Protein backbone atom coordinates (compact mmCIF):
# COMPACT_ATOMS: atom_id res chain seq x y z
CA ASN A 1 -29.78 9.02 1.32
CA LEU A 2 -28.21 8.04 -2.01
CA GLY A 3 -26.88 11.53 -2.75
CA GLY A 4 -25.10 11.65 0.59
CA MET A 5 -23.57 8.22 0.01
CA LYS A 6 -22.35 9.28 -3.45
CA SER A 7 -20.77 12.39 -1.97
CA LYS A 8 -19.04 10.34 0.73
CA MET A 9 -17.72 7.86 -1.83
CA GLU A 10 -16.35 10.71 -3.98
CA GLU A 11 -14.61 12.10 -0.89
CA ALA A 12 -13.19 8.65 -0.13
CA LYS A 13 -11.92 8.38 -3.72
CA ARG A 14 -10.11 11.71 -3.38
CA LYS A 15 -8.53 10.55 -0.11
CA ILE A 16 -7.52 7.21 -1.63
CA GLU A 17 -5.82 9.02 -4.53
CA ARG A 18 -3.65 10.85 -1.96
CA ILE A 19 -2.67 7.75 0.04
CA THR A 20 1.02 6.90 0.07
CA VAL A 21 2.35 3.96 2.07
CA THR A 22 5.85 2.61 2.59
CA GLY A 23 6.55 -1.07 3.11
CA GLU A 24 9.83 -2.29 4.56
CA ALA A 25 11.83 -5.48 4.80
CA GLY A 26 15.14 -6.45 6.35
CA ALA A 27 14.75 -4.00 9.24
CA GLY A 28 14.44 -1.13 6.78
CA MET A 29 17.27 -2.18 4.46
CA VAL A 30 14.74 -2.18 1.61
CA SER A 31 11.68 0.04 1.38
CA ALA A 32 8.97 0.33 -1.26
CA LYS A 33 6.60 3.28 -1.63
CA MET A 34 3.16 2.72 -3.17
CA ASP A 35 0.15 4.94 -3.86
CA GLY A 36 -3.52 4.25 -3.16
CA SER A 37 -4.08 2.71 -6.59
CA GLY A 38 -1.36 0.15 -5.94
CA LYS A 39 1.20 1.78 -8.23
CA LEU A 40 4.77 1.23 -7.05
CA LEU A 41 6.31 4.70 -6.76
CA SER A 42 9.84 3.90 -5.64
CA VAL A 43 12.15 1.29 -4.15
CA SER A 44 15.07 2.13 -1.89
CA VAL A 45 17.90 -0.32 -1.21
CA ASP A 46 20.57 0.05 1.47
CA GLU A 47 23.94 0.18 -0.27
CA ARG A 48 25.22 -2.73 1.84
CA LEU A 49 22.95 -4.96 -0.26
CA LEU A 50 24.57 -3.86 -3.52
CA ASP A 51 27.36 -6.42 -3.13
CA PRO A 52 26.85 -9.06 -5.87
CA LYS A 53 27.08 -11.73 -3.16
CA GLU A 54 23.90 -10.27 -1.61
CA LYS A 55 21.84 -10.50 -4.84
CA ASP A 56 19.53 -13.27 -3.59
CA LEU A 57 18.94 -11.50 -0.28
CA MET A 58 18.29 -8.19 -2.03
CA GLU A 59 15.71 -9.78 -4.35
CA GLU A 60 13.99 -11.44 -1.39
CA LEU A 61 13.89 -8.18 0.57
CA ILE A 62 12.56 -6.18 -2.39
CA THR A 63 9.75 -8.70 -2.79
CA GLY A 64 9.01 -8.50 0.93
CA ALA A 65 8.99 -4.69 0.94
CA VAL A 66 6.65 -4.50 -2.06
CA ASN A 67 4.30 -7.04 -0.50
CA ASP A 68 4.35 -5.10 2.79
CA ALA A 69 3.52 -1.86 0.95
CA GLN A 70 0.68 -3.58 -0.91
CA THR A 71 -0.79 -4.88 2.35
CA LYS A 72 -0.59 -1.40 3.91
CA MET A 73 -2.18 0.16 0.81
CA LYS A 74 -5.09 -2.29 0.93
CA GLU A 75 -5.62 -1.59 4.63
CA ALA A 76 -5.55 2.19 4.08
CA VAL A 77 -7.99 2.01 1.16
CA ALA A 78 -10.34 -0.28 3.09
CA HIS A 79 -10.24 2.15 6.02
CA GLU A 80 -11.21 5.06 3.77
CA ILE A 81 -14.09 3.11 2.22
CA ARG A 82 -15.34 1.97 5.63
CA SER A 83 -15.15 5.56 6.88
CA ALA A 84 -17.12 6.81 3.89
CA THR A 85 -19.81 4.14 3.95
CA GLY A 86 -20.03 3.45 7.67
CA MET A 87 -20.08 -0.25 6.79
CA ASP A 88 -17.64 -2.87 8.00
CA ILE A 89 -17.41 -5.05 4.92
CA PRO A 90 -15.26 -8.15 5.53
CA ASP A 91 -12.11 -8.46 3.40
CA LEU A 92 -12.69 -5.14 1.67
CA GLY A 93 -8.99 -5.07 0.85
CA GLY A 94 -9.54 -8.15 -1.31
CA MET A 95 -11.06 -5.86 -3.92
CA PHE A 96 -7.55 -4.64 -4.71
CA GLY A 97 -5.79 -7.85 -5.61
């Protein structure tokens, strides 16, 4: 039923638009929040990393947190699409980068 599939995909799109995930690195010292489209919403850095001597570590942890958030976003989006279609499409998250 094509109409039913279209309706389910529209519902999945609405759910994806509401997805928010948070990635972390450094045992939570850095976190990155991302929406279902992959837009980075915010980055939070523990003030202990604000020491200029910790610059390299902070940059590494920010990168790790953003990558973690992106992975979680892809998994959440893939889950919504699988739920809507009933199909287990391999590497569905690959559609998002």
